[in-house]
């Protein structure tokens, strides 16, 4: 450490520290929001797949003259 670092003003160092902490909070919030959106997307896909599988087990499709009929 040089004498400048020891005797330098504390305000810029404290301000940089506060900025660093704020950036950490913002980054954490952004990552959590992204994870939440991804989780909701996966749940929605699974729900749609479950609905499709349930509807396909309840109905019988018959292929007649180039068309699928119930």
N, C-alpha and C. Protein backbone atom coordinates (compact mmCIF):
# COMPACT_ATOMS: atom_id res chain seq x y z
N UNK A 1 0.84 -1.18 0.00
CA UNK A 1 0.00 0.00 0.00
C UNK A 1 0.89 1.24 0.00
N UNK A 2 0.48 2.18 -0.78
CA UNK A 2 1.22 3.44 -0.80
C UNK A 2 0.58 4.40 0.18
N UNK A 3 1.25 5.47 0.42
CA UNK A 3 0.73 6.48 1.34
C UNK A 3 -0.56 7.10 0.85
N UNK A 4 -0.73 7.16 -0.46
CA UNK A 4 -1.95 7.73 -1.02
C UNK A 4 -3.18 6.93 -0.63
N UNK A 5 -3.05 5.60 -0.67
CA UNK A 5 -4.20 4.76 -0.34
C UNK A 5 -4.58 4.88 1.12
N UNK A 6 -3.59 5.02 1.98
CA UNK A 6 -3.87 5.13 3.40
C UNK A 6 -4.44 6.50 3.74
N UNK A 7 -3.85 7.56 3.17
CA UNK A 7 -4.25 8.91 3.53
C UNK A 7 -5.32 9.47 2.61
N UNK A 8 -5.79 8.70 1.63
CA UNK A 8 -6.77 9.20 0.67
C UNK A 8 -8.12 9.45 1.32
N UNK A 9 -8.95 10.19 0.62
CA UNK A 9 -10.27 10.48 1.18
C UNK A 9 -11.11 9.21 1.30
N UNK A 10 -11.87 9.14 2.36
CA UNK A 10 -12.67 7.94 2.61
C UNK A 10 -13.96 7.94 1.80
N UNK A 11 -14.45 9.11 1.44
CA UNK A 11 -15.73 9.19 0.75
C UNK A 11 -15.75 8.40 -0.56
N UNK A 12 -14.78 8.57 -1.46
CA UNK A 12 -14.85 7.79 -2.70
C UNK A 12 -14.78 6.29 -2.46
N UNK A 13 -14.01 5.85 -1.47
CA UNK A 13 -13.92 4.42 -1.18
C UNK A 13 -15.25 3.91 -0.63
N UNK A 14 -15.84 4.67 0.26
CA UNK A 14 -17.13 4.27 0.83
C UNK A 14 -18.21 4.28 -0.24
N UNK A 15 -18.15 5.28 -1.11
CA UNK A 15 -19.14 5.37 -2.18
C UNK A 15 -19.00 4.21 -3.15
N UNK A 16 -17.78 3.83 -3.47
CA UNK A 16 -17.56 2.67 -4.34
C UNK A 16 -18.07 1.40 -3.67
N UNK A 17 -17.88 1.29 -2.37
CA UNK A 17 -18.36 0.13 -1.64
C UNK A 17 -19.89 0.06 -1.68
N UNK A 18 -20.54 1.21 -1.48
CA UNK A 18 -22.00 1.25 -1.54
C UNK A 18 -22.48 0.86 -2.93
N UNK A 19 -21.83 1.37 -3.97
CA UNK A 19 -22.18 0.99 -5.34
C UNK A 19 -22.02 -0.51 -5.54
N UNK A 20 -20.94 -1.06 -5.03
CA UNK A 20 -20.68 -2.49 -5.15
C UNK A 20 -21.79 -3.30 -4.50
N UNK A 21 -22.21 -2.89 -3.31
CA UNK A 21 -23.29 -3.58 -2.60
C UNK A 21 -24.60 -3.47 -3.39
N UNK A 22 -24.89 -2.28 -3.91
CA UNK A 22 -26.12 -2.09 -4.69
C UNK A 22 -26.12 -2.95 -5.95
N UNK A 23 -24.99 -3.01 -6.62
CA UNK A 23 -24.90 -3.84 -7.82
C UNK A 23 -25.11 -5.31 -7.45
N UNK A 24 -24.62 -5.72 -6.31
CA UNK A 24 -24.84 -7.09 -5.85
C UNK A 24 -26.31 -7.39 -5.63
N UNK A 25 -27.02 -6.46 -5.00
CA UNK A 25 -28.46 -6.64 -4.78
C UNK A 25 -29.22 -6.69 -6.11
N UNK A 26 -28.88 -5.78 -7.01
CA UNK A 26 -29.56 -5.73 -8.31
C UNK A 26 -29.30 -7.01 -9.10
N UNK A 27 -28.05 -7.46 -9.09
CA UNK A 27 -27.70 -8.69 -9.81
C UNK A 27 -28.43 -9.89 -9.23
N UNK A 28 -28.48 -9.97 -7.91
CA UNK A 28 -29.18 -11.08 -7.25
C UNK A 28 -30.67 -11.06 -7.59
N UNK A 29 -31.26 -9.87 -7.58
CA UNK A 29 -32.68 -9.76 -7.92
C UNK A 29 -32.93 -10.18 -9.36
N UNK A 30 -32.03 -9.79 -10.26
CA UNK A 30 -32.19 -10.15 -11.67
C UNK A 30 -32.07 -11.66 -11.87
N UNK A 31 -31.11 -12.28 -11.21
CA UNK A 31 -30.92 -13.73 -11.33
C UNK A 31 -32.13 -14.46 -10.76
N UNK A 32 -32.63 -14.01 -9.62
CA UNK A 32 -33.81 -14.65 -9.02
C UNK A 32 -35.04 -14.51 -9.92
N UNK A 33 -35.21 -13.33 -10.53
CA UNK A 33 -36.34 -13.12 -11.43
C UNK A 33 -36.24 -14.03 -12.65
N UNK A 34 -35.03 -14.17 -13.19
CA UNK A 34 -34.81 -15.05 -14.34
C UNK A 34 -35.14 -16.50 -13.97
N UNK A 35 -34.67 -16.94 -12.81
CA UNK A 35 -34.96 -18.31 -12.37
C UNK A 35 -36.46 -18.53 -12.19
N UNK A 36 -37.15 -17.52 -11.65
CA UNK A 36 -38.58 -17.63 -11.44
C UNK A 36 -39.31 -17.75 -12.79
N UNK A 37 -38.90 -16.94 -13.77
CA UNK A 37 -39.52 -17.02 -15.10
C UNK A 37 -39.27 -18.37 -15.75
N UNK A 38 -38.05 -18.89 -15.62
CA UNK A 38 -37.73 -20.20 -16.19
C UNK A 38 -38.55 -21.30 -15.51
N UNK A 39 -38.69 -21.21 -14.19
CA UNK A 39 -39.46 -22.21 -13.44
C UNK A 39 -40.92 -22.18 -13.87
N UNK A 40 -41.48 -20.97 -14.01
CA UNK A 40 -42.87 -20.86 -14.44
C UNK A 40 -43.05 -21.41 -15.85
N UNK A 41 -42.08 -21.15 -16.71
CA UNK A 41 -42.16 -21.66 -18.08
C UNK A 41 -42.15 -23.19 -18.09
N UNK A 42 -41.27 -23.79 -17.29
CA UNK A 42 -41.22 -25.25 -17.22
C UNK A 42 -42.50 -25.83 -16.65
N UNK A 43 -43.04 -25.20 -15.61
CA UNK A 43 -44.29 -25.68 -15.02
C UNK A 43 -45.43 -25.59 -16.03
N UNK A 44 -45.45 -24.52 -16.81
CA UNK A 44 -46.50 -24.37 -17.81
C UNK A 44 -46.39 -25.45 -18.88
N UNK A 45 -45.16 -25.73 -19.33
CA UNK A 45 -44.97 -26.78 -20.33
C UNK A 45 -45.39 -28.14 -19.79
N UNK A 46 -45.02 -28.43 -18.55
CA UNK A 46 -45.40 -29.71 -17.95
C UNK A 46 -46.91 -29.82 -17.81
N UNK A 47 -47.55 -28.72 -17.42
CA UNK A 47 -49.00 -28.72 -17.27
C UNK A 47 -49.67 -28.97 -18.62
N UNK A 48 -49.18 -28.31 -19.67
CA UNK A 48 -49.75 -28.52 -21.00
C UNK A 48 -49.54 -29.96 -21.47
N UNK A 49 -48.36 -30.52 -21.20
CA UNK A 49 -48.10 -31.90 -21.58
C UNK A 49 -49.02 -32.86 -20.83
N UNK A 50 -49.25 -32.57 -19.55
CA UNK A 50 -50.16 -33.42 -18.77
C UNK A 50 -51.58 -33.35 -19.32
N UNK A 51 -52.01 -32.14 -19.70
CA UNK A 51 -53.35 -32.01 -20.26
C UNK A 51 -53.46 -32.77 -21.58
N UNK A 52 -52.42 -32.68 -22.40
CA UNK A 52 -52.44 -33.40 -23.68
C UNK A 52 -52.45 -34.91 -23.46
N UNK A 53 -51.66 -35.38 -22.52
CA UNK A 53 -51.62 -36.82 -22.28
C UNK A 53 -52.93 -37.32 -21.69
N UNK A 54 -53.57 -36.52 -20.84
CA UNK A 54 -54.86 -36.91 -20.28
C UNK A 54 -55.93 -36.93 -21.36
N UNK A 55 -55.92 -35.94 -22.23
CA UNK A 55 -56.95 -35.90 -23.27
C UNK A 55 -56.74 -37.01 -24.29
N UNK A 56 -55.49 -37.38 -24.54
CA UNK A 56 -55.25 -38.46 -25.50
C UNK A 56 -55.61 -39.82 -24.92
N UNK A 57 -55.53 -39.98 -23.61
CA UNK A 57 -55.91 -41.26 -23.01
C UNK A 57 -57.43 -41.38 -22.91
N UNK A 58 -58.13 -40.26 -22.84
CA UNK A 58 -59.58 -40.29 -22.73
C UNK A 58 -60.27 -40.43 -24.08
N UNK A 59 -59.59 -40.10 -25.14
CA UNK A 59 -60.22 -40.13 -26.46
C UNK A 59 -59.49 -41.11 -27.36
N UNK A 60 -60.27 -41.70 -28.26
CA UNK A 60 -59.68 -42.60 -29.24
C UNK A 60 -59.77 -41.94 -30.60
N UNK A 61 -58.64 -41.80 -31.25
CA UNK A 61 -58.61 -41.21 -32.58
C UNK A 61 -58.60 -42.32 -33.61
N UNK A 62 -59.45 -42.15 -34.61
CA UNK A 62 -59.53 -43.12 -35.69
C UNK A 62 -59.18 -42.40 -36.99
N UNK A 63 -58.26 -42.98 -37.74
CA UNK A 63 -57.83 -42.40 -39.00
C UNK A 63 -58.70 -42.94 -40.12
N UNK A 64 -59.58 -42.06 -40.67
CA UNK A 64 -60.50 -42.46 -41.72
C UNK A 64 -60.40 -41.45 -42.86
N UNK A 65 -60.15 -41.94 -44.05
CA UNK A 65 -60.11 -41.11 -45.26
C UNK A 65 -59.19 -39.89 -45.10
N UNK A 66 -58.03 -40.08 -44.53
CA UNK A 66 -57.05 -39.00 -44.40
C UNK A 66 -57.31 -38.04 -43.27
N UNK A 67 -58.26 -38.33 -42.38
CA UNK A 67 -58.57 -37.45 -41.26
C UNK A 67 -58.61 -38.25 -39.97
N UNK A 68 -58.26 -37.55 -38.90
CA UNK A 68 -58.38 -38.16 -37.58
C UNK A 68 -59.74 -37.79 -37.02
N UNK A 69 -60.52 -38.78 -36.64
CA UNK A 69 -61.85 -38.57 -36.07
C UNK A 69 -61.91 -39.20 -34.69
N UNK A 70 -62.74 -38.61 -33.85
CA UNK A 70 -62.94 -39.17 -32.52
C UNK A 70 -63.93 -40.30 -32.56
